[in-house]
Amino acid sequence: LITTVSFIACNSSANTDSVTAAKD
């Protein structure tokens, strides 16, 4: 789950700022 979340967070950075990605 952590790996998946990290992958999603890294790949969605163009659409979501880093703070929102961390919160998600």
PDBML (XML) file of the C-alpha atoms, coordinates in Angstrom:
<?xml version="1.0" encoding="UTF-8" ?>
<PDBx:datablock datablockName="MODEL"
   xmlns:PDBx="http://pdbml.pdb.org/schema/pdbx-v50.xsd"
   xmlns:xsi="http://www.w3.org/2001/XMLSchema-instance"
   xsi:schemaLocation="http://pdbml.pdb.org/schema/pdbx-v50.xsd pdbx-v50.xsd">
   <PDBx:atom_siteCategory>
      <PDBx:atom_site id="1">
         <PDBx:B_iso_or_equiv>0.00</PDBx:B_iso_or_equiv>
         <PDBx:Cartn_x>0.000</PDBx:Cartn_x>
         <PDBx:Cartn_y>0.000</PDBx:Cartn_y>
         <PDBx:Cartn_z>0.000</PDBx:Cartn_z>
         <PDBx:auth_asym_id>A</PDBx:auth_asym_id>
         <PDBx:auth_atom_id>CA</PDBx:auth_atom_id>
         <PDBx:auth_comp_id>LEU</PDBx:auth_comp_id>
         <PDBx:auth_seq_id>1</PDBx:auth_seq_id>
         <PDBx:group_PDB>ATOM</PDBx:group_PDB>
         <PDBx:label_alt_id xsi:nil="true" />
         <PDBx:label_asym_id>A</PDBx:label_asym_id>
         <PDBx:label_atom_id>CA</PDBx:label_atom_id>
         <PDBx:label_comp_id>LEU</PDBx:label_comp_id>
         <PDBx:label_entity_id>1</PDBx:label_entity_id>
         <PDBx:label_seq_id>1</PDBx:label_seq_id>
         <PDBx:occupancy>1.00</PDBx:occupancy>
         <PDBx:pdbx_PDB_model_num>1</PDBx:pdbx_PDB_model_num>
         <PDBx:type_symbol>C</PDBx:type_symbol>
      </PDBx:atom_site>
      <PDBx:atom_site id="2">
         <PDBx:B_iso_or_equiv>0.00</PDBx:B_iso_or_equiv>
         <PDBx:Cartn_x>2.776</PDBx:Cartn_x>
         <PDBx:Cartn_y>2.431</PDBx:Cartn_y>
         <PDBx:Cartn_z>0.889</PDBx:Cartn_z>
         <PDBx:auth_asym_id>A</PDBx:auth_asym_id>
         <PDBx:auth_atom_id>CA</PDBx:auth_atom_id>
         <PDBx:auth_comp_id>ILE</PDBx:auth_comp_id>
         <PDBx:auth_seq_id>2</PDBx:auth_seq_id>
         <PDBx:group_PDB>ATOM</PDBx:group_PDB>
         <PDBx:label_alt_id xsi:nil="true" />
         <PDBx:label_asym_id>A</PDBx:label_asym_id>
         <PDBx:label_atom_id>CA</PDBx:label_atom_id>
         <PDBx:label_comp_id>ILE</PDBx:label_comp_id>
         <PDBx:label_entity_id>1</PDBx:label_entity_id>
         <PDBx:label_seq_id>2</PDBx:label_seq_id>
         <PDBx:occupancy>1.00</PDBx:occupancy>
         <PDBx:pdbx_PDB_model_num>1</PDBx:pdbx_PDB_model_num>
         <PDBx:type_symbol>C</PDBx:type_symbol>
      </PDBx:atom_site>
      <PDBx:atom_site id="3">
         <PDBx:B_iso_or_equiv>0.00</PDBx:B_iso_or_equiv>
         <PDBx:Cartn_x>4.620</PDBx:Cartn_x>
         <PDBx:Cartn_y>1.696</PDBx:Cartn_y>
         <PDBx:Cartn_z>-2.338</PDBx:Cartn_z>
         <PDBx:auth_asym_id>A</PDBx:auth_asym_id>
         <PDBx:auth_atom_id>CA</PDBx:auth_atom_id>
         <PDBx:auth_comp_id>THR</PDBx:auth_comp_id>
         <PDBx:auth_seq_id>3</PDBx:auth_seq_id>
         <PDBx:group_PDB>ATOM</PDBx:group_PDB>
         <PDBx:label_alt_id xsi:nil="true" />
         <PDBx:label_asym_id>A</PDBx:label_asym_id>
         <PDBx:label_atom_id>CA</PDBx:label_atom_id>
         <PDBx:label_comp_id>THR</PDBx:label_comp_id>
         <PDBx:label_entity_id>1</PDBx:label_entity_id>
         <PDBx:label_seq_id>3</PDBx:label_seq_id>
         <PDBx:occupancy>1.00</PDBx:occupancy>
         <PDBx:pdbx_PDB_model_num>1</PDBx:pdbx_PDB_model_num>
         <PDBx:type_symbol>C</PDBx:type_symbol>
      </PDBx:atom_site>
      <PDBx:atom_site id="4">
         <PDBx:B_iso_or_equiv>0.00</PDBx:B_iso_or_equiv>
         <PDBx:Cartn_x>1.426</PDBx:Cartn_x>
         <PDBx:Cartn_y>2.141</PDBx:Cartn_y>
         <PDBx:Cartn_z>-4.345</PDBx:Cartn_z>
         <PDBx:auth_asym_id>A</PDBx:auth_asym_id>
         <PDBx:auth_atom_id>CA</PDBx:auth_atom_id>
         <PDBx:auth_comp_id>THR</PDBx:auth_comp_id>
         <PDBx:auth_seq_id>4</PDBx:auth_seq_id>
         <PDBx:group_PDB>ATOM</PDBx:group_PDB>
         <PDBx:label_alt_id xsi:nil="true" />
         <PDBx:label_asym_id>A</PDBx:label_asym_id>
         <PDBx:label_atom_id>CA</PDBx:label_atom_id>
         <PDBx:label_comp_id>THR</PDBx:label_comp_id>
         <PDBx:label_entity_id>1</PDBx:label_entity_id>
         <PDBx:label_seq_id>4</PDBx:label_seq_id>
         <PDBx:occupancy>1.00</PDBx:occupancy>
         <PDBx:pdbx_PDB_model_num>1</PDBx:pdbx_PDB_model_num>
         <PDBx:type_symbol>C</PDBx:type_symbol>
      </PDBx:atom_site>
      <PDBx:atom_site id="5">
         <PDBx:B_iso_or_equiv>0.00</PDBx:B_iso_or_equiv>
         <PDBx:Cartn_x>0.569</PDBx:Cartn_x>
         <PDBx:Cartn_y>5.391</PDBx:Cartn_y>
         <PDBx:Cartn_z>-2.590</PDBx:Cartn_z>
         <PDBx:auth_asym_id>A</PDBx:auth_asym_id>
         <PDBx:auth_atom_id>CA</PDBx:auth_atom_id>
         <PDBx:auth_comp_id>VAL</PDBx:auth_comp_id>
         <PDBx:auth_seq_id>5</PDBx:auth_seq_id>
         <PDBx:group_PDB>ATOM</PDBx:group_PDB>
         <PDBx:label_alt_id xsi:nil="true" />
         <PDBx:label_asym_id>A</PDBx:label_asym_id>
         <PDBx:label_atom_id>CA</PDBx:label_atom_id>
         <PDBx:label_comp_id>VAL</PDBx:label_comp_id>
         <PDBx:label_entity_id>1</PDBx:label_entity_id>
         <PDBx:label_seq_id>5</PDBx:label_seq_id>
         <PDBx:occupancy>1.00</PDBx:occupancy>
         <PDBx:pdbx_PDB_model_num>1</PDBx:pdbx_PDB_model_num>
         <PDBx:type_symbol>C</PDBx:type_symbol>
      </PDBx:atom_site>
      <PDBx:atom_site id="6">
         <PDBx:B_iso_or_equiv>0.00</PDBx:B_iso_or_equiv>
         <PDBx:Cartn_x>4.100</PDBx:Cartn_x>
         <PDBx:Cartn_y>6.691</PDBx:Cartn_y>
         <PDBx:Cartn_z>-3.136</PDBx:Cartn_z>
         <PDBx:auth_asym_id>A</PDBx:auth_asym_id>
         <PDBx:auth_atom_id>CA</PDBx:auth_atom_id>
         <PDBx:auth_comp_id>SER</PDBx:auth_comp_id>
         <PDBx:auth_seq_id>6</PDBx:auth_seq_id>
         <PDBx:group_PDB>ATOM</PDBx:group_PDB>
         <PDBx:label_alt_id xsi:nil="true" />
         <PDBx:label_asym_id>A</PDBx:label_asym_id>
         <PDBx:label_atom_id>CA</PDBx:label_atom_id>
         <PDBx:label_comp_id>SER</PDBx:label_comp_id>
         <PDBx:label_entity_id>1</PDBx:label_entity_id>
         <PDBx:label_seq_id>6</PDBx:label_seq_id>
         <PDBx:occupancy>1.00</PDBx:occupancy>
         <PDBx:pdbx_PDB_model_num>1</PDBx:pdbx_PDB_model_num>
         <PDBx:type_symbol>C</PDBx:type_symbol>
      </PDBx:atom_site>
      <PDBx:atom_site id="7">
         <PDBx:B_iso_or_equiv>0.00</PDBx:B_iso_or_equiv>
         <PDBx:Cartn_x>3.935</PDBx:Cartn_x>
         <PDBx:Cartn_y>5.762</PDBx:Cartn_y>
         <PDBx:Cartn_z>-6.811</PDBx:Cartn_z>
         <PDBx:auth_asym_id>A</PDBx:auth_asym_id>
         <PDBx:auth_atom_id>CA</PDBx:auth_atom_id>
         <PDBx:auth_comp_id>PHE</PDBx:auth_comp_id>
         <PDBx:auth_seq_id>7</PDBx:auth_seq_id>
         <PDBx:group_PDB>ATOM</PDBx:group_PDB>
         <PDBx:label_alt_id xsi:nil="true" />
         <PDBx:label_asym_id>A</PDBx:label_asym_id>
         <PDBx:label_atom_id>CA</PDBx:label_atom_id>
         <PDBx:label_comp_id>PHE</PDBx:label_comp_id>
         <PDBx:label_entity_id>1</PDBx:label_entity_id>
         <PDBx:label_seq_id>7</PDBx:label_seq_id>
         <PDBx:occupancy>1.00</PDBx:occupancy>
         <PDBx:pdbx_PDB_model_num>1</PDBx:pdbx_PDB_model_num>
         <PDBx:type_symbol>C</PDBx:type_symbol>
      </PDBx:atom_site>
      <PDBx:atom_site id="8">
         <PDBx:B_iso_or_equiv>0.00</PDBx:B_iso_or_equiv>
         <PDBx:Cartn_x>0.542</PDBx:Cartn_x>
         <PDBx:Cartn_y>7.426</PDBx:Cartn_y>
         <PDBx:Cartn_z>-7.219</PDBx:Cartn_z>
         <PDBx:auth_asym_id>A</PDBx:auth_asym_id>
         <PDBx:auth_atom_id>CA</PDBx:auth_atom_id>
         <PDBx:auth_comp_id>ILE</PDBx:auth_comp_id>
         <PDBx:auth_seq_id>8</PDBx:auth_seq_id>
         <PDBx:group_PDB>ATOM</PDBx:group_PDB>
         <PDBx:label_alt_id xsi:nil="true" />
         <PDBx:label_asym_id>A</PDBx:label_asym_id>
         <PDBx:label_atom_id>CA</PDBx:label_atom_id>
         <PDBx:label_comp_id>ILE</PDBx:label_comp_id>
         <PDBx:label_entity_id>1</PDBx:label_entity_id>
         <PDBx:label_seq_id>8</PDBx:label_seq_id>
         <PDBx:occupancy>1.00</PDBx:occupancy>
         <PDBx:pdbx_PDB_model_num>1</PDBx:pdbx_PDB_model_num>
         <PDBx:type_symbol>C</PDBx:type_symbol>
      </PDBx:atom_site>
      <PDBx:atom_site id="9">
         <PDBx:B_iso_or_equiv>0.00</PDBx:B_iso_or_equiv>
         <PDBx:Cartn_x>1.698</PDBx:Cartn_x>
         <PDBx:Cartn_y>10.522</PDBx:Cartn_y>
         <PDBx:Cartn_z>-5.338</PDBx:Cartn_z>
         <PDBx:auth_asym_id>A</PDBx:auth_asym_id>
         <PDBx:auth_atom_id>CA</PDBx:auth_atom_id>
         <PDBx:auth_comp_id>ALA</PDBx:auth_comp_id>
         <PDBx:auth_seq_id>9</PDBx:auth_seq_id>
         <PDBx:group_PDB>ATOM</PDBx:group_PDB>
         <PDBx:label_alt_id xsi:nil="true" />
         <PDBx:label_asym_id>A</PDBx:label_asym_id>
         <PDBx:label_atom_id>CA</PDBx:label_atom_id>
         <PDBx:label_comp_id>ALA</PDBx:label_comp_id>
         <PDBx:label_entity_id>1</PDBx:label_entity_id>
         <PDBx:label_seq_id>9</PDBx:label_seq_id>
         <PDBx:occupancy>1.00</PDBx:occupancy>
         <PDBx:pdbx_PDB_model_num>1</PDBx:pdbx_PDB_model_num>
         <PDBx:type_symbol>C</PDBx:type_symbol>
      </PDBx:atom_site>
      <PDBx:atom_site id="10">
         <PDBx:B_iso_or_equiv>0.00</PDBx:B_iso_or_equiv>
         <PDBx:Cartn_x>4.813</PDBx:Cartn_x>
         <PDBx:Cartn_y>10.839</PDBx:Cartn_y>
         <PDBx:Cartn_z>-7.517</PDBx:Cartn_z>
         <PDBx:auth_asym_id>A</PDBx:auth_asym_id>
         <PDBx:auth_atom_id>CA</PDBx:auth_atom_id>
         <PDBx:auth_comp_id>CYS</PDBx:auth_comp_id>
         <PDBx:auth_seq_id>10</PDBx:auth_seq_id>
         <PDBx:group_PDB>ATOM</PDBx:group_PDB>
         <PDBx:label_alt_id xsi:nil="true" />
         <PDBx:label_asym_id>A</PDBx:label_asym_id>
         <PDBx:label_atom_id>CA</PDBx:label_atom_id>
         <PDBx:label_comp_id>CYS</PDBx:label_comp_id>
         <PDBx:label_entity_id>1</PDBx:label_entity_id>
         <PDBx:label_seq_id>10</PDBx:label_seq_id>
         <PDBx:occupancy>1.00</PDBx:occupancy>
         <PDBx:pdbx_PDB_model_num>1</PDBx:pdbx_PDB_model_num>
         <PDBx:type_symbol>C</PDBx:type_symbol>
      </PDBx:atom_site>
      <PDBx:atom_site id="11">
         <PDBx:B_iso_or_equiv>0.00</PDBx:B_iso_or_equiv>
         <PDBx:Cartn_x>2.923</PDBx:Cartn_x>
         <PDBx:Cartn_y>10.309</PDBx:Cartn_y>
         <PDBx:Cartn_z>-10.758</PDBx:Cartn_z>
         <PDBx:auth_asym_id>A</PDBx:auth_asym_id>
         <PDBx:auth_atom_id>CA</PDBx:auth_atom_id>
         <PDBx:auth_comp_id>ASN</PDBx:auth_comp_id>
         <PDBx:auth_seq_id>11</PDBx:auth_seq_id>
         <PDBx:group_PDB>ATOM</PDBx:group_PDB>
         <PDBx:label_alt_id xsi:nil="true" />
         <PDBx:label_asym_id>A</PDBx:label_asym_id>
         <PDBx:label_atom_id>CA</PDBx:label_atom_id>
         <PDBx:label_comp_id>ASN</PDBx:label_comp_id>
         <PDBx:label_entity_id>1</PDBx:label_entity_id>
         <PDBx:label_seq_id>11</PDBx:label_seq_id>
         <PDBx:occupancy>1.00</PDBx:occupancy>
         <PDBx:pdbx_PDB_model_num>1</PDBx:pdbx_PDB_model_num>
         <PDBx:type_symbol>C</PDBx:type_symbol>
      </PDBx:atom_site>
      <PDBx:atom_site id="12">
         <PDBx:B_iso_or_equiv>0.00</PDBx:B_iso_or_equiv>
         <PDBx:Cartn_x>0.088</PDBx:Cartn_x>
         <PDBx:Cartn_y>12.669</PDBx:Cartn_y>
         <PDBx:Cartn_z>-9.897</PDBx:Cartn_z>
         <PDBx:auth_asym_id>A</PDBx:auth_asym_id>
         <PDBx:auth_atom_id>CA</PDBx:auth_atom_id>
         <PDBx:auth_comp_id>SER</PDBx:auth_comp_id>
         <PDBx:auth_seq_id>12</PDBx:auth_seq_id>
         <PDBx:group_PDB>ATOM</PDBx:group_PDB>
         <PDBx:label_alt_id xsi:nil="true" />
         <PDBx:label_asym_id>A</PDBx:label_asym_id>
         <PDBx:label_atom_id>CA</PDBx:label_atom_id>
         <PDBx:label_comp_id>SER</PDBx:label_comp_id>
         <PDBx:label_entity_id>1</PDBx:label_entity_id>
         <PDBx:label_seq_id>12</PDBx:label_seq_id>
         <PDBx:occupancy>1.00</PDBx:occupancy>
         <PDBx:pdbx_PDB_model_num>1</PDBx:pdbx_PDB_model_num>
         <PDBx:type_symbol>C</PDBx:type_symbol>
      </PDBx:atom_site>
      <PDBx:atom_site id="13">
         <PDBx:B_iso_or_equiv>0.00</PDBx:B_iso_or_equiv>
         <PDBx:Cartn_x>2.346</PDBx:Cartn_x>
         <PDBx:Cartn_y>15.569</PDBx:Cartn_y>
         <PDBx:Cartn_z>-8.949</PDBx:Cartn_z>
         <PDBx:auth_asym_id>A</PDBx:auth_asym_id>
         <PDBx:auth_atom_id>CA</PDBx:auth_atom_id>
         <PDBx:auth_comp_id>SER</PDBx:auth_comp_id>
         <PDBx:auth_seq_id>13</PDBx:auth_seq_id>
         <PDBx:group_PDB>ATOM</PDBx:group_PDB>
         <PDBx:label_alt_id xsi:nil="true" />
         <PDBx:label_asym_id>A</PDBx:label_asym_id>
         <PDBx:label_atom_id>CA</PDBx:label_atom_id>
         <PDBx:label_comp_id>SER</PDBx:label_comp_id>
         <PDBx:label_entity_id>1</PDBx:label_entity_id>
         <PDBx:label_seq_id>13</PDBx:label_seq_id>
         <PDBx:occupancy>1.00</PDBx:occupancy>
         <PDBx:pdbx_PDB_model_num>1</PDBx:pdbx_PDB_model_num>
         <PDBx:type_symbol>C</PDBx:type_symbol>
      </PDBx:atom_site>
      <PDBx:atom_site id="14">
         <PDBx:B_iso_or_equiv>0.00</PDBx:B_iso_or_equiv>
         <PDBx:Cartn_x>1.539</PDBx:Cartn_x>
         <PDBx:Cartn_y>17.329</PDBx:Cartn_y>
         <PDBx:Cartn_z>-12.211</PDBx:Cartn_z>
         <PDBx:auth_asym_id>A</PDBx:auth_asym_id>
         <PDBx:auth_atom_id>CA</PDBx:auth_atom_id>
         <PDBx:auth_comp_id>ALA</PDBx:auth_comp_id>
         <PDBx:auth_seq_id>14</PDBx:auth_seq_id>
         <PDBx:group_PDB>ATOM</PDBx:group_PDB>
         <PDBx:label_alt_id xsi:nil="true" />
         <PDBx:label_asym_id>A</PDBx:label_asym_id>
         <PDBx:label_atom_id>CA</PDBx:label_atom_id>
         <PDBx:label_comp_id>ALA</PDBx:label_comp_id>
         <PDBx:label_entity_id>1</PDBx:label_entity_id>
         <PDBx:label_seq_id>14</PDBx:label_seq_id>
         <PDBx:occupancy>1.00</PDBx:occupancy>
         <PDBx:pdbx_PDB_model_num>1</PDBx:pdbx_PDB_model_num>
         <PDBx:type_symbol>C</PDBx:type_symbol>
      </PDBx:atom_site>
      <PDBx:atom_site id="15">
         <PDBx:B_iso_or_equiv>0.00</PDBx:B_iso_or_equiv>
         <PDBx:Cartn_x>-2.106</PDBx:Cartn_x>
         <PDBx:Cartn_y>17.484</PDBx:Cartn_y>
         <PDBx:Cartn_z>-11.167</PDBx:Cartn_z>
         <PDBx:auth_asym_id>A</PDBx:auth_asym_id>
         <PDBx:auth_atom_id>CA</PDBx:auth_atom_id>
         <PDBx:auth_comp_id>ASN</PDBx:auth_comp_id>
         <PDBx:auth_seq_id>15</PDBx:auth_seq_id>
         <PDBx:group_PDB>ATOM</PDBx:group_PDB>
         <PDBx:label_alt_id xsi:nil="true" />
         <PDBx:label_asym_id>A</PDBx:label_asym_id>
         <PDBx:label_atom_id>CA</PDBx:label_atom_id>
         <PDBx:label_comp_id>ASN</PDBx:label_comp_id>
         <PDBx:label_entity_id>1</PDBx:label_entity_id>
         <PDBx:label_seq_id>15</PDBx:label_seq_id>
         <PDBx:occupancy>1.00</PDBx:occupancy>
         <PDBx:pdbx_PDB_model_num>1</PDBx:pdbx_PDB_model_num>
         <PDBx:type_symbol>C</PDBx:type_symbol>
      </PDBx:atom_site>
      <PDBx:atom_site id="16">
         <PDBx:B_iso_or_equiv>0.00</PDBx:B_iso_or_equiv>
         <PDBx:Cartn_x>-1.802</PDBx:Cartn_x>
         <PDBx:Cartn_y>17.795</PDBx:Cartn_y>
         <PDBx:Cartn_z>-7.379</PDBx:Cartn_z>
         <PDBx:auth_asym_id>A</PDBx:auth_asym_id>
         <PDBx:auth_atom_id>CA</PDBx:auth_atom_id>
         <PDBx:auth_comp_id>THR</PDBx:auth_comp_id>
         <PDBx:auth_seq_id>16</PDBx:auth_seq_id>
         <PDBx:group_PDB>ATOM</PDBx:group_PDB>
         <PDBx:label_alt_id xsi:nil="true" />
         <PDBx:label_asym_id>A</PDBx:label_asym_id>
         <PDBx:label_atom_id>CA</PDBx:label_atom_id>
         <PDBx:label_comp_id>THR</PDBx:label_comp_id>
         <PDBx:label_entity_id>1</PDBx:label_entity_id>
         <PDBx:label_seq_id>16</PDBx:label_seq_id>
         <PDBx:occupancy>1.00</PDBx:occupancy>
         <PDBx:pdbx_PDB_model_num>1</PDBx:pdbx_PDB_model_num>
         <PDBx:type_symbol>C</PDBx:type_symbol>
      </PDBx:atom_site>
      <PDBx:atom_site id="17">
         <PDBx:B_iso_or_equiv>0.00</PDBx:B_iso_or_equiv>
         <PDBx:Cartn_x>0.494</PDBx:Cartn_x>
         <PDBx:Cartn_y>19.889</PDBx:Cartn_y>
         <PDBx:Cartn_z>-5.271</PDBx:Cartn_z>
         <PDBx:auth_asym_id>A</PDBx:auth_asym_id>
         <PDBx:auth_atom_id>CA</PDBx:auth_atom_id>
         <PDBx:auth_comp_id>ASP</PDBx:auth_comp_id>
         <PDBx:auth_seq_id>17</PDBx:auth_seq_id>
         <PDBx:group_PDB>ATOM</PDBx:group_PDB>
         <PDBx:label_alt_id xsi:nil="true" />
         <PDBx:label_asym_id>A</PDBx:label_asym_id>
         <PDBx:label_atom_id>CA</PDBx:label_atom_id>
         <PDBx:label_comp_id>ASP</PDBx:label_comp_id>
         <PDBx:label_entity_id>1</PDBx:label_entity_id>
         <PDBx:label_seq_id>17</PDBx:label_seq_id>
         <PDBx:occupancy>1.00</PDBx:occupancy>
         <PDBx:pdbx_PDB_model_num>1</PDBx:pdbx_PDB_model_num>
         <PDBx:type_symbol>C</PDBx:type_symbol>
      </PDBx:atom_site>
      <PDBx:atom_site id="18">
         <PDBx:B_iso_or_equiv>0.00</PDBx:B_iso_or_equiv>
         <PDBx:Cartn_x>2.852</PDBx:Cartn_x>
         <PDBx:Cartn_y>18.148</PDBx:Cartn_y>
         <PDBx:Cartn_z>-2.861</PDBx:Cartn_z>
         <PDBx:auth_asym_id>A</PDBx:auth_asym_id>
         <PDBx:auth_atom_id>CA</PDBx:auth_atom_id>
         <PDBx:auth_comp_id>SER</PDBx:auth_comp_id>
         <PDBx:auth_seq_id>18</PDBx:auth_seq_id>
         <PDBx:group_PDB>ATOM</PDBx:group_PDB>
         <PDBx:label_alt_id xsi:nil="true" />
         <PDBx:label_asym_id>A</PDBx:label_asym_id>
         <PDBx:label_atom_id>CA</PDBx:label_atom_id>
         <PDBx:label_comp_id>SER</PDBx:label_comp_id>
         <PDBx:label_entity_id>1</PDBx:label_entity_id>
         <PDBx:label_seq_id>18</PDBx:label_seq_id>
         <PDBx:occupancy>1.00</PDBx:occupancy>
         <PDBx:pdbx_PDB_model_num>1</PDBx:pdbx_PDB_model_num>
         <PDBx:type_symbol>C</PDBx:type_symbol>
      </PDBx:atom_site>
      <PDBx:atom_site id="19">
         <PDBx:B_iso_or_equiv>0.00</PDBx:B_iso_or_equiv>
         <PDBx:Cartn_x>0.904</PDBx:Cartn_x>
         <PDBx:Cartn_y>19.102</PDBx:Cartn_y>
         <PDBx:Cartn_z>0.267</PDBx:Cartn_z>
         <PDBx:auth_asym_id>A</PDBx:auth_asym_id>
         <PDBx:auth_atom_id>CA</PDBx:auth_atom_id>
         <PDBx:auth_comp_id>VAL</PDBx:auth_comp_id>
         <PDBx:auth_seq_id>19</PDBx:auth_seq_id>
         <PDBx:group_PDB>ATOM</PDBx:group_PDB>
         <PDBx:label_alt_id xsi:nil="true" />
         <PDBx:label_asym_id>A</PDBx:label_asym_id>
         <PDBx:label_atom_id>CA</PDBx:label_atom_id>
         <PDBx:label_comp_id>VAL</PDBx:label_comp_id>
         <PDBx:label_entity_id>1</PDBx:label_entity_id>
         <PDBx:label_seq_id>19</PDBx:label_seq_id>
         <PDBx:occupancy>1.00</PDBx:occupancy>
         <PDBx:pdbx_PDB_model_num>1</PDBx:pdbx_PDB_model_num>
         <PDBx:type_symbol>C</PDBx:type_symbol>
      </PDBx:atom_site>
      <PDBx:atom_site id="20">
         <PDBx:B_iso_or_equiv>0.00</PDBx:B_iso_or_equiv>
         <PDBx:Cartn_x>-2.333</PDBx:Cartn_x>
         <PDBx:Cartn_y>17.669</PDBx:Cartn_y>
         <PDBx:Cartn_z>-1.135</PDBx:Cartn_z>
         <PDBx:auth_asym_id>A</PDBx:auth_asym_id>
         <PDBx:auth_atom_id>CA</PDBx:auth_atom_id>
         <PDBx:auth_comp_id>THR</PDBx:auth_comp_id>
         <PDBx:auth_seq_id>20</PDBx:auth_seq_id>
         <PDBx:group_PDB>ATOM</PDBx:group_PDB>
         <PDBx:label_alt_id xsi:nil="true" />
         <PDBx:label_asym_id>A</PDBx:label_asym_id>
         <PDBx:label_atom_id>CA</PDBx:label_atom_id>
         <PDBx:label_comp_id>THR</PDBx:label_comp_id>
         <PDBx:label_entity_id>1</PDBx:label_entity_id>
         <PDBx:label_seq_id>20</PDBx:label_seq_id>
         <PDBx:occupancy>1.00</PDBx:occupancy>
         <PDBx:pdbx_PDB_model_num>1</PDBx:pdbx_PDB_model_num>
         <PDBx:type_symbol>C</PDBx:type_symbol>
      </PDBx:atom_site>
      <PDBx:atom_site id="21">
         <PDBx:B_iso_or_equiv>0.00</PDBx:B_iso_or_equiv>
         <PDBx:Cartn_x>-0.495</PDBx:Cartn_x>
         <PDBx:Cartn_y>14.516</PDBx:Cartn_y>
         <PDBx:Cartn_z>-2.222</PDBx:Cartn_z>
         <PDBx:auth_asym_id>A</PDBx:auth_asym_id>
         <PDBx:auth_atom_id>CA</PDBx:auth_atom_id>
         <PDBx:auth_comp_id>ALA</PDBx:auth_comp_id>
         <PDBx:auth_seq_id>21</PDBx:auth_seq_id>
         <PDBx:group_PDB>ATOM</PDBx:group_PDB>
         <PDBx:label_alt_id xsi:nil="true" />
         <PDBx:label_asym_id>A</PDBx:label_asym_id>
         <PDBx:label_atom_id>CA</PDBx:label_atom_id>
         <PDBx:label_comp_id>ALA</PDBx:label_comp_id>
         <PDBx:label_entity_id>1</PDBx:label_entity_id>
         <PDBx:label_seq_id>21</PDBx:label_seq_id>
         <PDBx:occupancy>1.00</PDBx:occupancy>
         <PDBx:pdbx_PDB_model_num>1</PDBx:pdbx_PDB_model_num>
         <PDBx:type_symbol>C</PDBx:type_symbol>
      </PDBx:atom_site>
      <PDBx:atom_site id="22">
         <PDBx:B_iso_or_equiv>0.00</PDBx:B_iso_or_equiv>
         <PDBx:Cartn_x>0.920</PDBx:Cartn_x>
         <PDBx:Cartn_y>14.092</PDBx:Cartn_y>
         <PDBx:Cartn_z>1.313</PDBx:Cartn_z>
         <PDBx:auth_asym_id>A</PDBx:auth_asym_id>
         <PDBx:auth_atom_id>CA</PDBx:auth_atom_id>
         <PDBx:auth_comp_id>ALA</PDBx:auth_comp_id>
         <PDBx:auth_seq_id>22</PDBx:auth_seq_id>
         <PDBx:group_PDB>ATOM</PDBx:group_PDB>
         <PDBx:label_alt_id xsi:nil="true" />
         <PDBx:label_asym_id>A</PDBx:label_asym_id>
         <PDBx:label_atom_id>CA</PDBx:label_atom_id>
         <PDBx:label_comp_id>ALA</PDBx:label_comp_id>
         <PDBx:label_entity_id>1</PDBx:label_entity_id>
         <PDBx:label_seq_id>22</PDBx:label_seq_id>
         <PDBx:occupancy>1.00</PDBx:occupancy>
         <PDBx:pdbx_PDB_model_num>1</PDBx:pdbx_PDB_model_num>
         <PDBx:type_symbol>C</PDBx:type_symbol>
      </PDBx:atom_site>
      <PDBx:atom_site id="23">
         <PDBx:B_iso_or_equiv>0.00</PDBx:B_iso_or_equiv>
         <PDBx:Cartn_x>-2.540</PDBx:Cartn_x>
         <PDBx:Cartn_y>14.583</PDBx:Cartn_y>
         <PDBx:Cartn_z>2.841</PDBx:Cartn_z>
         <PDBx:auth_asym_id>A</PDBx:auth_asym_id>
         <PDBx:auth_atom_id>CA</PDBx:auth_atom_id>
         <PDBx:auth_comp_id>LYS</PDBx:auth_comp_id>
         <PDBx:auth_seq_id>23</PDBx:auth_seq_id>
         <PDBx:group_PDB>ATOM</PDBx:group_PDB>
         <PDBx:label_alt_id xsi:nil="true" />
         <PDBx:label_asym_id>A</PDBx:label_asym_id>
         <PDBx:label_atom_id>CA</PDBx:label_atom_id>
         <PDBx:label_comp_id>LYS</PDBx:label_comp_id>
         <PDBx:label_entity_id>1</PDBx:label_entity_id>
         <PDBx:label_seq_id>23</PDBx:label_seq_id>
         <PDBx:occupancy>1.00</PDBx:occupancy>
         <PDBx:pdbx_PDB_model_num>1</PDBx:pdbx_PDB_model_num>
         <PDBx:type_symbol>C</PDBx:type_symbol>
      </PDBx:atom_site>
      <PDBx:atom_site id="24">
         <PDBx:B_iso_or_equiv>0.00</PDBx:B_iso_or_equiv>
         <PDBx:Cartn_x>-4.028</PDBx:Cartn_x>
         <PDBx:Cartn_y>12.023</PDBx:Cartn_y>
         <PDBx:Cartn_z>0.433</PDBx:Cartn_z>
         <PDBx:auth_asym_id>A</PDBx:auth_asym_id>
         <PDBx:auth_atom_id>CA</PDBx:auth_atom_id>
         <PDBx:auth_comp_id>ASP</PDBx:auth_comp_id>
         <PDBx:auth_seq_id>24</PDBx:auth_seq_id>
         <PDBx:group_PDB>ATOM</PDBx:group_PDB>
         <PDBx:label_alt_id xsi:nil="true" />
         <PDBx:label_asym_id>A</PDBx:label_asym_id>
         <PDBx:label_atom_id>CA</PDBx:label_atom_id>
         <PDBx:label_comp_id>ASP</PDBx:label_comp_id>
         <PDBx:label_entity_id>1</PDBx:label_entity_id>
         <PDBx:label_seq_id>24</PDBx:label_seq_id>
         <PDBx:occupancy>1.00</PDBx:occupancy>
         <PDBx:pdbx_PDB_model_num>1</PDBx:pdbx_PDB_model_num>
         <PDBx:type_symbol>C</PDBx:type_symbol>
      </PDBx:atom_site>
   </PDBx:atom_siteCategory>
</PDBx:datablock>
